[in-house]
């Protein structure tokens, strides 16, 4: 049986003008890559260094799934199957969290977009694309190894071999269109995530420093 989606919005709600204006002036950086590529750790470090607001889509979904509502049960089903939650719900979750902080300089949005419809919906709702999109390039073997190690520590319902492989398959199936979309807009920045974490962090900082210099 498929997952019941009736309790999750398939389309997203429009932003009020004053809220859209808030996101127009902020620097928005998307950081994407397959599960286990290391984006969570790097996003947290970058947000701390640059005093940006960190929005982690995966964390938000897992937080929602931990509740006891009917909607939470549906989200947990998606996570356990390694499937994508409907784009409308993801966009509402993302924009609601981006609108929480006051006087924010910028955002690091981790794990978004995961498919092309999410990318297009964001631009439609917010009225602009991100400033840049950093993609972490990492081999399938490395990501599987990292996720299996993480699974031994527990705490993640989707860190099991079968789910991991399905998540990776979904990622590779859907990411090509996303990468092509941002490549055409000249927003894509590739970083090799196989390298030591400190090297990856330094390369990310170089990208952000260049962005901030251009925006000054």
N, C-alpha and C. Protein backbone atom coordinates (compact mmCIF):
# COMPACT_ATOMS: atom_id res chain seq x y z
N UNK A 1 0.84 -1.20 0.00
CA UNK A 1 0.00 0.00 0.00
C UNK A 1 0.87 1.25 0.00
N UNK A 2 0.38 2.29 -0.72
CA UNK A 2 1.13 3.53 -0.77
C UNK A 2 0.91 4.36 0.48
N UNK A 3 1.67 5.43 0.59
CA UNK A 3 1.55 6.32 1.74
C UNK A 3 0.37 7.26 1.52
N UNK A 4 -0.45 7.40 2.54
CA UNK A 4 -1.58 8.34 2.47
C UNK A 4 -1.05 9.76 2.55
N UNK A 5 -1.36 10.59 1.53
CA UNK A 5 -0.85 11.96 1.50
C UNK A 5 -1.95 12.99 1.75
N UNK A 6 -3.17 12.53 2.03
CA UNK A 6 -4.29 13.45 2.08
C UNK A 6 -4.14 14.53 3.15
N UNK A 7 -3.37 14.27 4.20
CA UNK A 7 -3.22 15.24 5.27
C UNK A 7 -2.05 16.20 5.04
N UNK A 8 -1.32 16.04 3.96
CA UNK A 8 -0.19 16.90 3.65
C UNK A 8 -0.52 17.75 2.42
N UNK A 9 -0.23 19.06 2.47
CA UNK A 9 -0.55 19.92 1.33
C UNK A 9 0.29 19.57 0.11
N UNK A 10 -0.35 19.50 -1.05
CA UNK A 10 0.37 19.21 -2.29
C UNK A 10 0.88 20.49 -2.93
N UNK A 11 0.25 21.63 -2.61
CA UNK A 11 0.70 22.92 -3.11
C UNK A 11 0.96 23.82 -1.92
N UNK A 12 1.79 24.83 -2.11
CA UNK A 12 2.19 25.66 -0.99
C UNK A 12 1.38 26.94 -0.91
N UNK A 13 1.32 27.52 0.26
CA UNK A 13 0.57 28.76 0.46
C UNK A 13 1.41 29.96 0.02
N UNK A 14 0.80 31.02 -0.54
CA UNK A 14 1.56 32.20 -0.95
C UNK A 14 2.04 32.99 0.26
N UNK A 15 3.19 33.65 0.12
CA UNK A 15 3.70 34.48 1.20
C UNK A 15 3.06 35.86 1.15
N UNK A 16 2.82 36.44 2.31
CA UNK A 16 2.37 37.82 2.37
C UNK A 16 3.50 38.72 1.86
N UNK A 17 3.13 39.87 1.31
CA UNK A 17 4.10 40.75 0.68
C UNK A 17 5.23 41.13 1.62
N UNK A 18 4.90 41.48 2.88
CA UNK A 18 5.94 41.92 3.82
C UNK A 18 6.90 40.77 4.16
N UNK A 19 6.39 39.53 4.14
CA UNK A 19 7.25 38.39 4.41
C UNK A 19 8.14 38.09 3.21
N UNK A 20 7.60 38.25 2.02
CA UNK A 20 8.39 38.04 0.81
C UNK A 20 9.52 39.07 0.73
N UNK A 21 9.23 40.30 1.14
CA UNK A 21 10.25 41.35 1.13
C UNK A 21 11.39 41.02 2.08
N UNK A 22 11.07 40.39 3.18
CA UNK A 22 12.10 40.00 4.14
C UNK A 22 13.09 39.03 3.51
N UNK A 23 12.59 38.08 2.75
CA UNK A 23 13.46 37.09 2.12
C UNK A 23 14.15 37.64 0.88
N UNK A 24 13.63 38.73 0.32
CA UNK A 24 14.27 39.32 -0.85
C UNK A 24 15.63 39.91 -0.49
N UNK A 25 15.74 40.46 0.72
CA UNK A 25 16.97 41.17 1.10
C UNK A 25 18.03 40.27 1.73
N UNK A 26 17.66 39.06 2.13
CA UNK A 26 18.60 38.17 2.81
C UNK A 26 19.43 37.37 1.80
N UNK A 27 20.61 36.99 2.21
CA UNK A 27 21.43 36.08 1.41
C UNK A 27 20.95 34.65 1.68
N UNK A 28 20.69 33.92 0.63
CA UNK A 28 20.17 32.55 0.77
C UNK A 28 21.11 31.59 0.06
N UNK A 29 21.63 30.64 0.81
CA UNK A 29 22.54 29.63 0.26
C UNK A 29 21.92 28.26 0.47
N UNK A 30 21.70 27.53 -0.61
CA UNK A 30 21.26 26.14 -0.52
C UNK A 30 22.49 25.25 -0.50
N UNK A 31 22.49 24.24 0.37
CA UNK A 31 23.59 23.26 0.40
C UNK A 31 22.96 21.89 0.23
N UNK A 32 23.29 21.23 -0.88
CA UNK A 32 22.67 19.96 -1.23
C UNK A 32 23.72 18.88 -1.45
N UNK A 33 23.27 17.65 -1.45
CA UNK A 33 24.14 16.50 -1.65
C UNK A 33 23.44 15.27 -1.13
N UNK A 34 23.96 14.12 -1.48
CA UNK A 34 23.35 12.87 -1.06
C UNK A 34 23.42 12.65 0.44
N UNK A 35 22.59 11.75 0.97
CA UNK A 35 22.64 11.43 2.40
C UNK A 35 24.01 10.88 2.78
N UNK A 36 24.61 11.47 3.81
CA UNK A 36 25.93 11.02 4.23
C UNK A 36 27.08 11.80 3.62
N UNK A 37 26.78 12.84 2.84
CA UNK A 37 27.86 13.61 2.19
C UNK A 37 28.54 14.58 3.16
N UNK A 38 27.94 14.81 4.33
CA UNK A 38 28.55 15.68 5.33
C UNK A 38 27.99 17.09 5.40
N UNK A 39 26.87 17.33 4.73
CA UNK A 39 26.34 18.70 4.67
C UNK A 39 25.84 19.21 6.01
N UNK A 40 25.35 18.33 6.88
CA UNK A 40 24.81 18.79 8.16
C UNK A 40 25.88 19.44 9.03
N UNK A 41 27.01 18.76 9.16
CA UNK A 41 28.11 19.30 9.99
C UNK A 41 28.63 20.60 9.42
N UNK A 42 28.82 20.64 8.10
CA UNK A 42 29.36 21.83 7.47
C UNK A 42 28.40 23.01 7.57
N UNK A 43 27.10 22.76 7.40
CA UNK A 43 26.11 23.83 7.51
C UNK A 43 26.11 24.44 8.91
N UNK A 44 26.18 23.59 9.92
CA UNK A 44 26.19 24.08 11.29
C UNK A 44 27.42 24.96 11.54
N UNK A 45 28.58 24.53 11.05
CA UNK A 45 29.81 25.31 11.23
C UNK A 45 29.74 26.63 10.47
N UNK A 46 29.22 26.59 9.26
CA UNK A 46 29.13 27.80 8.45
C UNK A 46 28.16 28.81 9.07
N UNK A 47 27.04 28.32 9.56
CA UNK A 47 26.06 29.20 10.19
C UNK A 47 26.66 29.90 11.40
N UNK A 48 27.45 29.17 12.16
CA UNK A 48 28.10 29.73 13.34
C UNK A 48 29.15 30.77 12.94
N UNK A 49 29.92 30.48 11.91
CA UNK A 49 30.99 31.39 11.47
C UNK A 49 30.43 32.70 10.91
N UNK A 50 29.39 32.60 10.10
CA UNK A 50 28.88 33.78 9.40
C UNK A 50 27.64 34.39 10.06
N UNK A 51 27.21 33.81 11.16
CA UNK A 51 26.04 34.31 11.88
C UNK A 51 24.80 34.31 10.97
N UNK A 52 24.66 33.23 10.21
CA UNK A 52 23.48 33.02 9.38
C UNK A 52 22.54 32.07 10.11
N UNK A 53 21.30 32.03 9.67
CA UNK A 53 20.31 31.13 10.25
C UNK A 53 20.36 29.80 9.50
N UNK A 54 20.45 28.71 10.24
CA UNK A 54 20.59 27.38 9.64
C UNK A 54 19.23 26.68 9.64
N UNK A 55 18.76 26.33 8.45
CA UNK A 55 17.51 25.60 8.32
C UNK A 55 17.83 24.23 7.73
N UNK A 56 17.61 23.17 8.49
CA UNK A 56 17.89 21.80 8.04
C UNK A 56 16.57 21.08 7.79
N UNK A 57 16.26 20.86 6.52
CA UNK A 57 14.98 20.25 6.18
C UNK A 57 14.81 18.88 6.83
N UNK A 58 15.85 18.06 6.79
CA UNK A 58 15.78 16.73 7.38
C UNK A 58 15.47 16.76 8.86
N UNK A 59 16.12 17.68 9.58
CA UNK A 59 15.88 17.80 11.02
C UNK A 59 14.44 18.25 11.29
N UNK A 60 13.95 19.17 10.48
CA UNK A 60 12.58 19.65 10.67
C UNK A 60 11.58 18.52 10.45
N UNK A 61 11.83 17.70 9.43
CA UNK A 61 10.93 16.58 9.15
C UNK A 61 10.97 15.54 10.27
N UNK A 62 12.16 15.26 10.77
CA UNK A 62 12.27 14.28 11.86
C UNK A 62 11.63 14.81 13.13
N UNK A 63 11.72 16.11 13.34
CA UNK A 63 11.06 16.71 14.50
C UNK A 63 9.54 16.58 14.37
N UNK A 64 9.04 16.85 13.16
CA UNK A 64 7.60 16.70 12.92
C UNK A 64 7.17 15.25 13.10
N UNK A 65 8.00 14.32 12.60
CA UNK A 65 7.66 12.90 12.67
C UNK A 65 7.64 12.37 14.11
N UNK A 66 8.33 13.05 15.00
CA UNK A 66 8.40 12.59 16.40
C UNK A 66 7.15 12.95 17.21
N UNK A 67 6.29 13.78 16.64
CA UNK A 67 5.08 14.18 17.36
C UNK A 67 4.05 13.05 17.31
N UNK A 68 2.89 13.29 17.89
CA UNK A 68 1.89 12.22 18.00
C UNK A 68 0.63 12.52 17.19
N UNK A 69 0.73 13.38 16.19
CA UNK A 69 -0.43 13.72 15.38
C UNK A 69 -0.55 12.75 14.20
N UNK A 70 -1.72 12.80 13.55
CA UNK A 70 -1.94 11.98 12.36
C UNK A 70 -0.96 12.37 11.26
N UNK A 71 -0.75 13.69 11.09
CA UNK A 71 0.18 14.17 10.08
C UNK A 71 1.60 13.67 10.36
N UNK A 72 1.99 13.67 11.61
CA UNK A 72 3.33 13.20 11.98
C UNK A 72 3.52 11.74 11.62
N UNK A 73 2.47 10.95 11.80
CA UNK A 73 2.53 9.53 11.44
C UNK A 73 2.77 9.35 9.95
N UNK A 74 2.14 10.20 9.14
CA UNK A 74 2.32 10.12 7.69
C UNK A 74 3.75 10.49 7.31
N UNK A 75 4.28 11.56 7.93
CA UNK A 75 5.66 11.97 7.65
C UNK A 75 6.63 10.86 8.03
N UNK A 76 6.41 10.22 9.17
CA UNK A 76 7.28 9.14 9.59
C UNK A 76 7.25 7.99 8.59
N UNK A 77 6.09 7.73 7.99
CA UNK A 77 5.99 6.70 6.96
C UNK A 77 6.89 7.03 5.77
N UNK A 78 6.87 8.29 5.36
CA UNK A 78 7.74 8.73 4.26
C UNK A 78 9.20 8.47 4.60
N UNK A 79 9.60 8.87 5.81
CA UNK A 79 11.00 8.72 6.23
C UNK A 79 11.41 7.26 6.28
N UNK A 80 10.53 6.41 6.80
CA UNK A 80 10.85 4.98 6.92
C UNK A 80 10.95 4.29 5.56
N UNK A 81 10.29 4.86 4.56
CA UNK A 81 10.36 4.29 3.22
C UNK A 81 11.45 4.95 2.37
N UNK A 82 12.09 6.01 2.92
CA UNK A 82 13.10 6.73 2.15
C UNK A 82 12.48 7.50 1.00
N UNK A 83 11.19 7.86 1.12
CA UNK A 83 10.47 8.54 0.05
C UNK A 83 10.45 10.05 0.31
N UNK A 84 10.06 10.82 -0.73
CA UNK A 84 10.00 12.27 -0.62
C UNK A 84 8.65 12.72 -0.08
N UNK A 85 8.70 13.62 0.89
CA UNK A 85 7.48 14.25 1.40
C UNK A 85 6.99 15.24 0.33
N UNK A 86 5.67 15.39 0.12
CA UNK A 86 5.15 16.29 -0.92
C UNK A 86 5.75 17.69 -0.85
N UNK A 87 6.02 18.26 -2.04
CA UNK A 87 6.71 19.54 -2.13
C UNK A 87 5.98 20.68 -1.44
N UNK A 88 4.65 20.69 -1.51
CA UNK A 88 3.89 21.75 -0.87
C UNK A 88 4.14 21.82 0.61
N UNK A 89 4.18 20.65 1.25
CA UNK A 89 4.44 20.61 2.69
C UNK A 89 5.87 21.07 2.99
N UNK A 90 6.83 20.62 2.18
CA UNK A 90 8.23 21.00 2.37
C UNK A 90 8.40 22.51 2.26
N UNK A 91 7.76 23.13 1.26
CA UNK A 91 7.88 24.58 1.08
C UNK A 91 7.27 25.34 2.24
N UNK A 92 6.14 24.89 2.73
CA UNK A 92 5.52 25.55 3.89
C UNK A 92 6.42 25.42 5.11
N UNK A 93 6.98 24.24 5.31
CA UNK A 93 7.87 24.01 6.45
C UNK A 93 9.11 24.90 6.35
N UNK A 94 9.67 24.99 5.14
CA UNK A 94 10.87 25.79 4.93
C UNK A 94 10.61 27.28 5.15
N UNK A 95 9.61 27.82 4.48
CA UNK A 95 9.37 29.26 4.58
C UNK A 95 8.92 29.67 5.98
N UNK A 96 8.13 28.82 6.63
CA UNK A 96 7.73 29.12 8.01
C UNK A 96 8.95 29.29 8.90
N UNK A 97 9.94 28.44 8.72
CA UNK A 97 11.15 28.51 9.54
C UNK A 97 12.09 29.64 9.13
N UNK A 98 12.09 29.99 7.85
CA UNK A 98 12.91 31.11 7.40
C UNK A 98 12.36 32.44 7.89
N UNK A 99 11.08 32.48 8.18
CA UNK A 99 10.46 33.73 8.62
C UNK A 99 10.51 33.92 10.13
N UNK A 100 11.02 32.93 10.87
CA UNK A 100 11.07 33.02 12.33
C UNK A 100 12.08 34.05 12.84
N UNK A 101 13.34 34.04 12.36
CA UNK A 101 14.34 34.94 12.94
C UNK A 101 14.12 36.39 12.53
N UNK A 102 14.51 37.32 13.40
CA UNK A 102 14.44 38.75 13.10
C UNK A 102 15.83 39.27 12.74
N UNK A 103 15.88 40.22 11.84
CA UNK A 103 17.13 40.88 11.45
C UNK A 103 18.21 39.87 11.05
N UNK A 104 17.82 38.87 10.28
CA UNK A 104 18.77 37.85 9.88
C UNK A 104 19.55 38.31 8.65
N UNK A 105 20.85 38.02 8.63
CA UNK A 105 21.70 38.41 7.49
C UNK A 105 21.56 37.44 6.34
N UNK A 106 21.41 36.18 6.68
CA UNK A 106 21.33 35.18 5.61
C UNK A 106 20.94 33.83 6.15
N UNK A 107 20.78 32.90 5.22
CA UNK A 107 20.33 31.55 5.55
C UNK A 107 21.23 30.51 4.88
N UNK A 108 21.55 29.48 5.62
CA UNK A 108 22.07 28.25 5.03
C UNK A 108 20.94 27.23 5.10
N UNK A 109 20.45 26.83 3.94
CA UNK A 109 19.35 25.87 3.87
C UNK A 109 19.92 24.52 3.47
N UNK A 110 19.87 23.59 4.38
CA UNK A 110 20.50 22.28 4.21
C UNK A 110 19.49 21.24 3.70
N UNK A 111 19.89 20.55 2.62
CA UNK A 111 19.06 19.46 2.12
C UNK A 111 17.87 19.90 1.30
N UNK A 112 17.98 21.05 0.66
CA UNK A 112 16.89 21.58 -0.17
C UNK A 112 17.48 22.33 -1.35
N UNK A 113 16.90 22.15 -2.55
CA UNK A 113 15.78 21.27 -2.90
C UNK A 113 16.27 19.87 -3.24
N UNK A 114 15.38 18.90 -3.06
CA UNK A 114 15.72 17.51 -3.38
C UNK A 114 15.20 17.10 -4.74
N UNK A 115 14.31 17.88 -5.30
CA UNK A 115 13.83 17.59 -6.66
C UNK A 115 13.42 18.91 -7.32
N UNK A 116 13.29 18.90 -8.64
CA UNK A 116 13.15 20.13 -9.40
C UNK A 116 11.89 20.90 -9.06
N UNK A 117 10.81 20.21 -8.71
CA UNK A 117 9.58 20.90 -8.37
C UNK A 117 9.75 21.77 -7.13
N UNK A 118 10.55 21.30 -6.18
CA UNK A 118 10.82 22.09 -4.98
C UNK A 118 11.59 23.37 -5.35
N UNK A 119 12.55 23.24 -6.26
CA UNK A 119 13.32 24.41 -6.69
C UNK A 119 12.43 25.45 -7.35
N UNK A 120 11.56 25.00 -8.23
CA UNK A 120 10.67 25.91 -8.94
C UNK A 120 9.63 26.53 -8.02
N UNK A 121 9.11 25.73 -7.09
CA UNK A 121 8.13 26.24 -6.14
C UNK A 121 8.73 27.33 -5.25
N UNK A 122 9.97 27.13 -4.83
CA UNK A 122 10.63 28.14 -4.00
C UNK A 122 10.69 29.47 -4.73
N UNK A 123 11.14 29.44 -5.97
CA UNK A 123 11.26 30.68 -6.75
C UNK A 123 9.90 31.32 -6.99
N UNK A 124 8.90 30.49 -7.16
CA UNK A 124 7.55 31.00 -7.37
C UNK A 124 6.99 31.66 -6.11
N UNK A 125 7.20 31.03 -4.96
CA UNK A 125 6.64 31.52 -3.71
C UNK A 125 7.44 32.71 -3.16
N UNK A 126 8.77 32.58 -3.16
CA UNK A 126 9.62 33.63 -2.58
C UNK A 126 9.86 34.75 -3.59
N UNK A 127 9.80 34.42 -4.87
CA UNK A 127 9.99 35.45 -5.89
C UNK A 127 11.42 35.62 -6.35
N UNK A 128 12.28 34.68 -5.99
CA UNK A 128 13.70 34.76 -6.37
C UNK A 128 14.36 33.42 -6.14
N UNK A 129 15.47 33.15 -6.83
CA UNK A 129 16.24 31.94 -6.54
C UNK A 129 17.19 32.21 -5.38
N UNK A 130 17.91 31.19 -4.91
CA UNK A 130 18.95 31.43 -3.90
C UNK A 130 20.10 32.21 -4.52
N UNK A 131 20.98 32.75 -3.67
CA UNK A 131 22.16 33.44 -4.19
C UNK A 131 23.14 32.47 -4.82
N UNK A 132 23.35 31.34 -4.14
CA UNK A 132 24.19 30.27 -4.69
C UNK A 132 23.69 28.93 -4.17
N UNK A 133 24.13 27.88 -4.86
CA UNK A 133 23.81 26.51 -4.45
C UNK A 133 25.12 25.73 -4.38
N UNK A 134 25.48 25.29 -3.19
CA UNK A 134 26.68 24.47 -3.01
C UNK A 134 26.27 23.01 -3.04
N UNK A 135 26.92 22.23 -3.90
CA UNK A 135 26.63 20.80 -3.97
C UNK A 135 27.86 20.03 -3.51
N UNK A 136 27.67 19.10 -2.60
CA UNK A 136 28.74 18.26 -2.09
C UNK A 136 28.82 17.00 -2.94
N UNK A 137 29.93 16.86 -3.64
CA UNK A 137 30.16 15.66 -4.46
C UNK A 137 30.80 14.58 -3.61
N UNK A 138 30.16 13.42 -3.56
CA UNK A 138 30.64 12.33 -2.71
C UNK A 138 30.24 11.00 -3.34
N UNK A 139 31.13 10.02 -3.32
CA UNK A 139 30.83 8.74 -3.94
C UNK A 139 29.77 7.97 -3.16
N UNK A 140 29.07 7.10 -3.86
CA UNK A 140 28.05 6.27 -3.22
C UNK A 140 28.65 5.42 -2.12
N UNK A 141 29.83 4.85 -2.38
CA UNK A 141 30.49 3.97 -1.40
C UNK A 141 30.79 4.72 -0.11
N UNK A 142 31.30 5.96 -0.26
CA UNK A 142 31.62 6.75 0.93
C UNK A 142 30.38 7.09 1.72
N UNK A 143 29.31 7.49 1.03
CA UNK A 143 28.08 7.86 1.73
C UNK A 143 27.48 6.67 2.45
N UNK A 144 27.46 5.50 1.82
CA UNK A 144 26.92 4.30 2.47
C UNK A 144 27.73 3.97 3.72
N UNK A 145 29.05 4.03 3.60
CA UNK A 145 29.91 3.71 4.74
C UNK A 145 29.65 4.68 5.91
N UNK A 146 29.56 5.96 5.60
CA UNK A 146 29.31 6.96 6.64
C UNK A 146 27.95 6.74 7.31
N UNK A 147 26.93 6.44 6.51
CA UNK A 147 25.59 6.26 7.06
C UNK A 147 25.48 5.00 7.91
N UNK A 148 26.17 3.95 7.50
CA UNK A 148 26.14 2.71 8.29
C UNK A 148 26.85 2.91 9.63
N UNK A 149 27.92 3.69 9.62
CA UNK A 149 28.60 4.01 10.87
C UNK A 149 27.68 4.84 11.77
N UNK A 150 27.00 5.82 11.15
CA UNK A 150 26.08 6.66 11.92
C UNK A 150 24.92 5.84 12.48
N UNK A 151 24.49 4.83 11.72
CA UNK A 151 23.35 4.01 12.16
C UNK A 151 23.66 3.25 13.45
N UNK A 152 24.95 2.94 13.67
CA UNK A 152 25.34 2.23 14.87
C UNK A 152 25.16 3.08 16.12
N UNK A 153 25.10 4.40 15.92
CA UNK A 153 24.90 5.31 17.06
C UNK A 153 23.42 5.51 17.38
N UNK A 154 22.54 5.10 16.44
CA UNK A 154 21.10 5.22 16.67
C UNK A 154 20.62 6.64 16.51
N UNK A 155 19.32 6.82 16.74
CA UNK A 155 18.74 8.16 16.72
C UNK A 155 18.13 8.58 15.40
N UNK A 156 18.37 7.83 14.32
CA UNK A 156 17.80 8.17 13.02
C UNK A 156 16.99 7.00 12.50
N UNK A 157 15.68 7.23 12.27
CA UNK A 157 14.82 6.14 11.82
C UNK A 157 15.15 5.70 10.40
N UNK A 158 15.83 6.56 9.62
CA UNK A 158 16.10 6.24 8.22
C UNK A 158 17.53 5.77 7.98
N UNK A 159 18.29 5.50 9.04
CA UNK A 159 19.67 5.02 8.89
C UNK A 159 19.73 3.49 8.99
N UNK A 160 19.12 2.82 8.04
CA UNK A 160 19.18 1.37 7.94
C UNK A 160 19.51 1.01 6.49
N UNK A 161 20.20 -0.08 6.29
CA UNK A 161 20.77 -0.40 4.98
C UNK A 161 19.76 -0.29 3.85
N UNK A 162 18.60 -0.92 4.00
CA UNK A 162 17.60 -0.91 2.92
C UNK A 162 17.13 0.52 2.63
N UNK A 163 16.85 1.29 3.70
CA UNK A 163 16.37 2.65 3.52
C UNK A 163 17.48 3.53 2.94
N UNK A 164 18.71 3.33 3.41
CA UNK A 164 19.84 4.10 2.92
C UNK A 164 19.98 3.97 1.41
N UNK A 165 19.92 2.73 0.94
CA UNK A 165 20.10 2.49 -0.50
C UNK A 165 18.95 3.09 -1.30
N UNK A 166 17.75 3.04 -0.74
CA UNK A 166 16.60 3.65 -1.44
C UNK A 166 16.74 5.17 -1.47
N UNK A 167 17.20 5.75 -0.36
CA UNK A 167 17.42 7.20 -0.31
C UNK A 167 18.46 7.64 -1.33
N UNK A 168 19.53 6.86 -1.45
CA UNK A 168 20.56 7.19 -2.44
C UNK A 168 20.03 7.06 -3.86
N UNK A 169 19.27 6.02 -4.10
CA UNK A 169 18.68 5.82 -5.43
C UNK A 169 17.76 6.99 -5.78
N UNK A 170 16.94 7.41 -4.81
CA UNK A 170 16.05 8.55 -5.02
C UNK A 170 16.85 9.82 -5.29
N UNK A 171 17.92 10.01 -4.52
CA UNK A 171 18.76 11.20 -4.69
C UNK A 171 19.33 11.26 -6.10
N UNK A 172 19.93 10.18 -6.57
CA UNK A 172 20.56 10.19 -7.89
C UNK A 172 19.54 10.32 -9.01
N UNK A 173 18.36 9.78 -8.80
CA UNK A 173 17.30 9.87 -9.82
C UNK A 173 16.83 11.31 -9.99
N UNK A 174 16.74 12.04 -8.87
CA UNK A 174 16.13 13.36 -8.90
C UNK A 174 17.11 14.52 -8.97
N UNK A 175 18.37 14.30 -8.60
CA UNK A 175 19.29 15.43 -8.45
C UNK A 175 19.76 16.02 -9.78
N UNK A 176 19.78 15.21 -10.83
CA UNK A 176 20.31 15.70 -12.11
C UNK A 176 19.55 16.92 -12.62
N UNK A 177 18.22 16.86 -12.53
CA UNK A 177 17.41 18.00 -12.99
C UNK A 177 17.65 19.24 -12.13
N UNK A 178 17.84 19.04 -10.83
CA UNK A 178 18.11 20.15 -9.92
C UNK A 178 19.45 20.80 -10.26
N UNK A 179 20.47 19.97 -10.45
CA UNK A 179 21.80 20.50 -10.77
C UNK A 179 21.79 21.23 -12.10
N UNK A 180 21.09 20.69 -13.09
CA UNK A 180 21.00 21.34 -14.40
C UNK A 180 20.30 22.70 -14.29
N UNK A 181 19.26 22.75 -13.46
CA UNK A 181 18.50 23.99 -13.26
C UNK A 181 19.40 25.10 -12.73
N UNK A 182 20.19 24.79 -11.71
CA UNK A 182 21.05 25.82 -11.11
C UNK A 182 22.31 26.07 -11.93
N UNK A 183 22.75 25.08 -12.67
CA UNK A 183 23.89 25.27 -13.55
C UNK A 183 23.55 26.29 -14.63
N UNK A 184 22.36 26.18 -15.18
CA UNK A 184 21.90 27.13 -16.20
C UNK A 184 21.80 28.54 -15.66
N UNK A 185 21.50 28.66 -14.37
CA UNK A 185 21.42 29.98 -13.73
C UNK A 185 22.78 30.46 -13.24
N UNK A 186 23.81 29.64 -13.41
CA UNK A 186 25.18 29.95 -12.98
C UNK A 186 25.26 30.15 -11.46
N UNK A 187 24.51 29.34 -10.74
CA UNK A 187 24.49 29.44 -9.28
C UNK A 187 25.20 28.27 -8.61
N UNK A 188 25.59 27.28 -9.38
CA UNK A 188 26.11 26.03 -8.80
C UNK A 188 27.59 26.14 -8.45
N UNK A 189 27.92 25.66 -7.25
CA UNK A 189 29.32 25.58 -6.80
C UNK A 189 29.57 24.16 -6.30
N UNK A 190 30.47 23.44 -6.94
CA UNK A 190 30.76 22.04 -6.57
C UNK A 190 31.93 21.97 -5.61
N UNK A 191 31.77 21.17 -4.56
CA UNK A 191 32.84 20.95 -3.59
C UNK A 191 32.99 19.45 -3.35
N UNK A 192 34.21 18.96 -3.43
CA UNK A 192 34.49 17.54 -3.23
C UNK A 192 34.38 17.22 -1.75
N UNK A 193 33.38 16.44 -1.39
CA UNK A 193 33.12 16.14 0.02
C UNK A 193 33.85 14.90 0.50
N UNK A 194 34.68 14.30 -0.36
CA UNK A 194 35.50 13.15 0.04
C UNK A 194 36.70 13.60 0.88
N UNK A 195 37.04 14.86 0.79
CA UNK A 195 38.22 15.38 1.47
C UNK A 195 37.97 15.53 2.97
N UNK A 196 39.04 15.75 3.77
CA UNK A 196 38.86 15.92 5.21
C UNK A 196 37.89 17.06 5.52
N UNK A 197 37.11 16.94 6.60
CA UNK A 197 36.10 17.96 6.94
C UNK A 197 36.66 19.38 6.99
N UNK A 198 37.88 19.55 7.50
CA UNK A 198 38.44 20.90 7.59
C UNK A 198 38.72 21.49 6.21
N UNK A 199 39.13 20.63 5.28
CA UNK A 199 39.37 21.08 3.90
C UNK A 199 38.06 21.47 3.23
N UNK A 200 37.03 20.65 3.45
CA UNK A 200 35.70 20.95 2.89
C UNK A 200 35.19 22.27 3.45
N UNK A 201 35.38 22.47 4.76
CA UNK A 201 34.92 23.71 5.40
C UNK A 201 35.63 24.93 4.81
N UNK A 202 36.92 24.83 4.64
CA UNK A 202 37.69 25.96 4.08
C UNK A 202 37.23 26.30 2.66
N UNK A 203 36.93 25.28 1.88
CA UNK A 203 36.45 25.51 0.51
C UNK A 203 35.06 26.16 0.53
N UNK A 204 34.22 25.73 1.46
CA UNK A 204 32.91 26.36 1.60
C UNK A 204 33.07 27.83 1.99
N UNK A 205 33.98 28.10 2.90
CA UNK A 205 34.21 29.48 3.34
C UNK A 205 34.68 30.36 2.19
N UNK A 206 35.50 29.80 1.31
CA UNK A 206 35.98 30.56 0.16
C UNK A 206 34.80 30.97 -0.74
N UNK A 207 33.87 30.04 -0.91
CA UNK A 207 32.68 30.32 -1.73
C UNK A 207 31.84 31.41 -1.07
N UNK A 208 31.62 31.31 0.25
CA UNK A 208 30.79 32.29 0.95
C UNK A 208 31.48 33.64 0.99
N UNK A 209 32.78 33.66 1.23
CA UNK A 209 33.52 34.93 1.26
C UNK A 209 33.41 35.66 -0.09
N UNK A 210 33.52 34.88 -1.17
CA UNK A 210 33.39 35.47 -2.50
C UNK A 210 31.99 36.04 -2.71
N UNK A 211 30.98 35.32 -2.24
CA UNK A 211 29.60 35.77 -2.35
C UNK A 211 29.39 37.07 -1.58
N UNK A 212 29.87 37.12 -0.34
CA UNK A 212 29.69 38.30 0.50
C UNK A 212 30.44 39.50 -0.07
N UNK A 213 31.59 39.25 -0.64
CA UNK A 213 32.36 40.34 -1.27
C UNK A 213 31.60 40.93 -2.45
N UNK A 214 31.01 40.06 -3.24
CA UNK A 214 30.25 40.52 -4.41
C UNK A 214 28.99 41.26 -4.01
N UNK A 215 28.41 40.88 -2.84
CA UNK A 215 27.17 41.49 -2.40
C UNK A 215 27.39 42.82 -1.66
N UNK A 216 28.63 43.06 -1.27
CA UNK A 216 28.94 44.26 -0.47
C UNK A 216 28.82 45.54 -1.30
